[in-house]
Amino acid sequence: MSKHAKTLKKLCTQPTPTDIKWNDLKGALESLGYKELVGDGSRRKFVFPVTNEVINLHKPHPQPEVKQYVIRQVVEQLKLQGRI
């Protein structure tokens, strides 16, 4: 199982994980076909080019760990879009 597949599996675990790093989340989304668009400051959009579906996030700083509420939002969007 690839690192990105492991991250995607971990995203869906309960309770919501607190130890997923930004680069791991970014890589997992890119492995699904999303492209990152950098906005102002820490705002990031991940766009699925075929359908133009968007996942809006804030890149965490100064720590690299993604907040639980962000992980829940990502999982919800991925499920709505039929990606997981």
N, C-alpha and C. Protein backbone atom coordinates (compact mmCIF):
# COMPACT_ATOMS: atom_id res chain seq x y z
N MET A 1 0.85 -1.17 0.00
CA MET A 1 0.00 0.00 0.00
C MET A 1 0.90 1.24 0.00
N SER A 2 0.60 2.20 -0.89
CA SER A 2 1.42 3.40 -0.99
C SER A 2 1.20 4.33 0.21
N LYS A 3 2.11 5.25 0.37
CA LYS A 3 2.01 6.22 1.46
C LYS A 3 0.72 7.03 1.34
N HIS A 4 0.36 7.42 0.11
CA HIS A 4 -0.85 8.22 -0.09
C HIS A 4 -2.10 7.41 0.23
N ALA A 5 -2.10 6.13 -0.14
CA ALA A 5 -3.24 5.27 0.16
C ALA A 5 -3.40 5.10 1.66
N LYS A 6 -2.28 4.97 2.37
CA LYS A 6 -2.33 4.86 3.83
C LYS A 6 -2.88 6.14 4.45
N THR A 7 -2.47 7.28 3.92
CA THR A 7 -2.98 8.56 4.44
C THR A 7 -4.48 8.67 4.20
N LEU A 8 -4.94 8.30 3.00
CA LEU A 8 -6.37 8.35 2.70
C LEU A 8 -7.16 7.44 3.63
N LYS A 9 -6.64 6.26 3.89
CA LYS A 9 -7.30 5.32 4.81
C LYS A 9 -7.35 5.91 6.22
N LYS A 10 -6.24 6.52 6.64
CA LYS A 10 -6.16 7.10 7.97
C LYS A 10 -7.12 8.27 8.13
N LEU A 11 -7.35 9.04 7.06
CA LEU A 11 -8.27 10.17 7.12
C LEU A 11 -9.66 9.75 7.59
N CYS A 12 -10.05 8.54 7.20
CA CYS A 12 -11.41 8.07 7.46
C CYS A 12 -11.57 7.35 8.79
N THR A 13 -10.50 7.24 9.56
CA THR A 13 -10.60 6.52 10.84
C THR A 13 -11.32 7.37 11.88
N GLN A 14 -11.86 6.66 12.87
CA GLN A 14 -12.51 7.32 14.01
C GLN A 14 -11.80 6.91 15.27
N PRO A 15 -11.52 7.80 16.18
CA PRO A 15 -11.78 9.23 16.10
C PRO A 15 -10.90 9.89 15.03
N THR A 16 -11.27 11.09 14.65
CA THR A 16 -10.53 11.82 13.63
C THR A 16 -9.09 11.97 14.07
N PRO A 17 -8.15 11.60 13.21
CA PRO A 17 -6.73 11.66 13.59
C PRO A 17 -6.25 13.10 13.80
N THR A 18 -5.23 13.23 14.64
CA THR A 18 -4.66 14.54 14.94
C THR A 18 -3.21 14.63 14.48
N ASP A 19 -2.69 13.58 13.86
CA ASP A 19 -1.27 13.55 13.52
C ASP A 19 -0.99 13.50 12.01
N ILE A 20 -1.95 13.96 11.21
CA ILE A 20 -1.72 14.00 9.77
C ILE A 20 -1.03 15.31 9.41
N LYS A 21 0.09 15.21 8.76
CA LYS A 21 0.86 16.39 8.39
C LYS A 21 0.37 16.95 7.06
N TRP A 22 0.55 18.27 6.89
CA TRP A 22 0.09 18.96 5.69
C TRP A 22 0.61 18.31 4.41
N ASN A 23 1.91 18.02 4.37
CA ASN A 23 2.49 17.45 3.15
C ASN A 23 1.89 16.08 2.82
N ASP A 24 1.54 15.31 3.85
CA ASP A 24 0.90 14.01 3.62
C ASP A 24 -0.51 14.19 3.05
N LEU A 25 -1.27 15.14 3.60
CA LEU A 25 -2.61 15.42 3.10
C LEU A 25 -2.55 15.94 1.67
N LYS A 26 -1.65 16.86 1.42
CA LYS A 26 -1.48 17.42 0.08
C LYS A 26 -1.14 16.31 -0.93
N GLY A 27 -0.21 15.45 -0.57
CA GLY A 27 0.18 14.35 -1.46
C GLY A 27 -0.96 13.39 -1.73
N ALA A 28 -1.77 13.12 -0.69
CA ALA A 28 -2.90 12.21 -0.86
C ALA A 28 -3.93 12.82 -1.82
N LEU A 29 -4.21 14.11 -1.67
CA LEU A 29 -5.16 14.76 -2.56
C LEU A 29 -4.64 14.80 -3.99
N GLU A 30 -3.36 15.08 -4.13
CA GLU A 30 -2.76 15.10 -5.47
C GLU A 30 -2.77 13.70 -6.10
N SER A 31 -2.64 12.67 -5.29
CA SER A 31 -2.69 11.31 -5.83
C SER A 31 -4.08 10.96 -6.37
N LEU A 32 -5.10 11.66 -5.87
CA LEU A 32 -6.47 11.46 -6.37
C LEU A 32 -6.74 12.28 -7.63
N GLY A 33 -5.79 13.17 -7.97
CA GLY A 33 -5.95 13.98 -9.18
C GLY A 33 -6.21 15.45 -8.94
N TYR A 34 -6.22 15.87 -7.68
CA TYR A 34 -6.44 17.28 -7.37
C TYR A 34 -5.18 18.10 -7.64
N LYS A 35 -5.38 19.35 -8.04
CA LYS A 35 -4.28 20.28 -8.26
C LYS A 35 -4.40 21.39 -7.22
N GLU A 36 -3.27 21.74 -6.59
CA GLU A 36 -3.27 22.78 -5.56
C GLU A 36 -3.18 24.16 -6.20
N LEU A 37 -4.04 25.07 -5.74
CA LEU A 37 -3.98 26.47 -6.12
C LEU A 37 -3.68 27.26 -4.86
N VAL A 38 -2.66 28.09 -4.90
CA VAL A 38 -2.26 28.88 -3.74
C VAL A 38 -2.97 30.22 -3.79
N GLY A 39 -3.65 30.56 -2.71
CA GLY A 39 -4.33 31.85 -2.61
C GLY A 39 -3.57 32.79 -1.71
N ASP A 40 -4.27 33.77 -1.18
CA ASP A 40 -3.66 34.72 -0.26
C ASP A 40 -3.31 34.05 1.06
N GLY A 41 -2.15 34.36 1.59
CA GLY A 41 -1.74 33.84 2.89
C GLY A 41 -1.71 32.33 2.92
N SER A 42 -2.43 31.74 3.88
CA SER A 42 -2.40 30.29 4.04
C SER A 42 -3.57 29.60 3.33
N ARG A 43 -4.37 30.34 2.60
CA ARG A 43 -5.52 29.76 1.89
C ARG A 43 -5.03 28.89 0.74
N ARG A 44 -5.59 27.67 0.66
CA ARG A 44 -5.26 26.74 -0.42
C ARG A 44 -6.55 26.17 -0.98
N LYS A 45 -6.57 25.98 -2.28
CA LYS A 45 -7.68 25.30 -2.94
C LYS A 45 -7.12 24.09 -3.67
N PHE A 46 -7.83 23.00 -3.57
CA PHE A 46 -7.49 21.81 -4.34
C PHE A 46 -8.64 21.59 -5.32
N VAL A 47 -8.32 21.66 -6.60
CA VAL A 47 -9.31 21.58 -7.66
C VAL A 47 -9.16 20.26 -8.40
N PHE A 48 -10.29 19.59 -8.63
CA PHE A 48 -10.29 18.39 -9.46
C PHE A 48 -10.57 18.87 -10.88
N PRO A 49 -9.56 18.87 -11.76
CA PRO A 49 -9.65 19.53 -13.06
C PRO A 49 -10.78 19.04 -13.97
N VAL A 50 -11.12 17.79 -13.90
CA VAL A 50 -12.13 17.24 -14.80
C VAL A 50 -13.51 17.85 -14.53
N THR A 51 -13.85 18.01 -13.25
CA THR A 51 -15.18 18.48 -12.86
C THR A 51 -15.17 19.86 -12.21
N ASN A 52 -13.99 20.41 -12.00
CA ASN A 52 -13.82 21.71 -11.32
C ASN A 52 -14.37 21.73 -9.90
N GLU A 53 -14.44 20.57 -9.26
CA GLU A 53 -14.85 20.51 -7.86
C GLU A 53 -13.69 21.02 -7.01
N VAL A 54 -14.02 21.76 -5.95
CA VAL A 54 -13.00 22.44 -5.15
C VAL A 54 -13.10 22.03 -3.69
N ILE A 55 -11.93 21.87 -3.07
CA ILE A 55 -11.82 21.70 -1.62
C ILE A 55 -11.00 22.89 -1.12
N ASN A 56 -11.61 23.73 -0.27
CA ASN A 56 -10.93 24.90 0.28
C ASN A 56 -10.35 24.58 1.65
N LEU A 57 -9.09 24.94 1.86
CA LEU A 57 -8.41 24.66 3.12
C LEU A 57 -7.52 25.82 3.53
N HIS A 58 -7.13 25.82 4.78
CA HIS A 58 -6.05 26.68 5.26
C HIS A 58 -4.85 25.79 5.57
N LYS A 59 -3.70 26.16 5.05
CA LYS A 59 -2.48 25.42 5.37
C LYS A 59 -2.11 25.76 6.81
N PRO A 60 -1.87 24.74 7.64
CA PRO A 60 -1.55 25.01 9.04
C PRO A 60 -0.17 25.65 9.18
N HIS A 61 -0.05 26.50 10.18
CA HIS A 61 1.24 27.10 10.50
C HIS A 61 1.20 27.56 11.94
N PRO A 62 2.21 27.56 12.70
CA PRO A 62 3.55 27.14 12.32
C PRO A 62 3.74 25.63 12.37
N GLN A 63 2.83 24.90 13.03
CA GLN A 63 2.96 23.44 13.12
C GLN A 63 2.50 22.79 11.82
N PRO A 64 3.05 21.62 11.48
CA PRO A 64 2.67 20.98 10.22
C PRO A 64 1.41 20.11 10.30
N GLU A 65 0.91 19.84 11.52
CA GLU A 65 -0.24 18.96 11.66
C GLU A 65 -1.53 19.67 11.29
N VAL A 66 -2.37 18.96 10.54
CA VAL A 66 -3.65 19.48 10.10
C VAL A 66 -4.66 19.34 11.24
N LYS A 67 -5.46 20.37 11.45
CA LYS A 67 -6.47 20.35 12.52
C LYS A 67 -7.55 19.32 12.21
N GLN A 68 -8.17 18.80 13.28
CA GLN A 68 -9.20 17.77 13.12
C GLN A 68 -10.38 18.27 12.30
N TYR A 69 -10.81 19.50 12.52
CA TYR A 69 -11.97 20.00 11.79
C TYR A 69 -11.68 20.08 10.29
N VAL A 70 -10.43 20.34 9.93
CA VAL A 70 -10.05 20.40 8.52
C VAL A 70 -10.10 18.99 7.91
N ILE A 71 -9.61 18.02 8.66
CA ILE A 71 -9.65 16.63 8.19
C ILE A 71 -11.09 16.19 7.98
N ARG A 72 -11.96 16.54 8.92
CA ARG A 72 -13.38 16.17 8.77
C ARG A 72 -13.98 16.83 7.52
N GLN A 73 -13.62 18.10 7.25
CA GLN A 73 -14.11 18.78 6.06
C GLN A 73 -13.62 18.10 4.79
N VAL A 74 -12.36 17.72 4.77
CA VAL A 74 -11.78 17.06 3.59
C VAL A 74 -12.49 15.73 3.34
N VAL A 75 -12.67 14.93 4.38
CA VAL A 75 -13.33 13.63 4.24
C VAL A 75 -14.77 13.83 3.74
N GLU A 76 -15.47 14.81 4.29
CA GLU A 76 -16.84 15.07 3.86
C GLU A 76 -16.88 15.45 2.37
N GLN A 77 -15.98 16.32 1.95
CA GLN A 77 -15.94 16.72 0.54
C GLN A 77 -15.58 15.55 -0.37
N LEU A 78 -14.60 14.75 0.03
CA LEU A 78 -14.20 13.60 -0.78
C LEU A 78 -15.36 12.60 -0.92
N LYS A 79 -16.13 12.42 0.15
CA LYS A 79 -17.27 11.51 0.08
C LYS A 79 -18.36 12.08 -0.81
N LEU A 80 -18.64 13.39 -0.69
CA LEU A 80 -19.65 14.03 -1.53
C LEU A 80 -19.27 13.95 -3.01
N GLN A 81 -17.98 14.05 -3.28
CA GLN A 81 -17.50 14.03 -4.66
C GLN A 81 -17.26 12.60 -5.17
N GLY A 82 -17.47 11.60 -4.29
CA GLY A 82 -17.35 10.20 -4.70
C GLY A 82 -15.91 9.74 -4.89
N ARG A 83 -14.96 10.39 -4.21
CA ARG A 83 -13.55 10.03 -4.37
C ARG A 83 -13.11 8.97 -3.36
N ILE A 84 -13.83 8.85 -2.24
CA ILE A 84 -13.52 7.80 -1.25
C ILE A 84 -14.81 7.17 -0.80
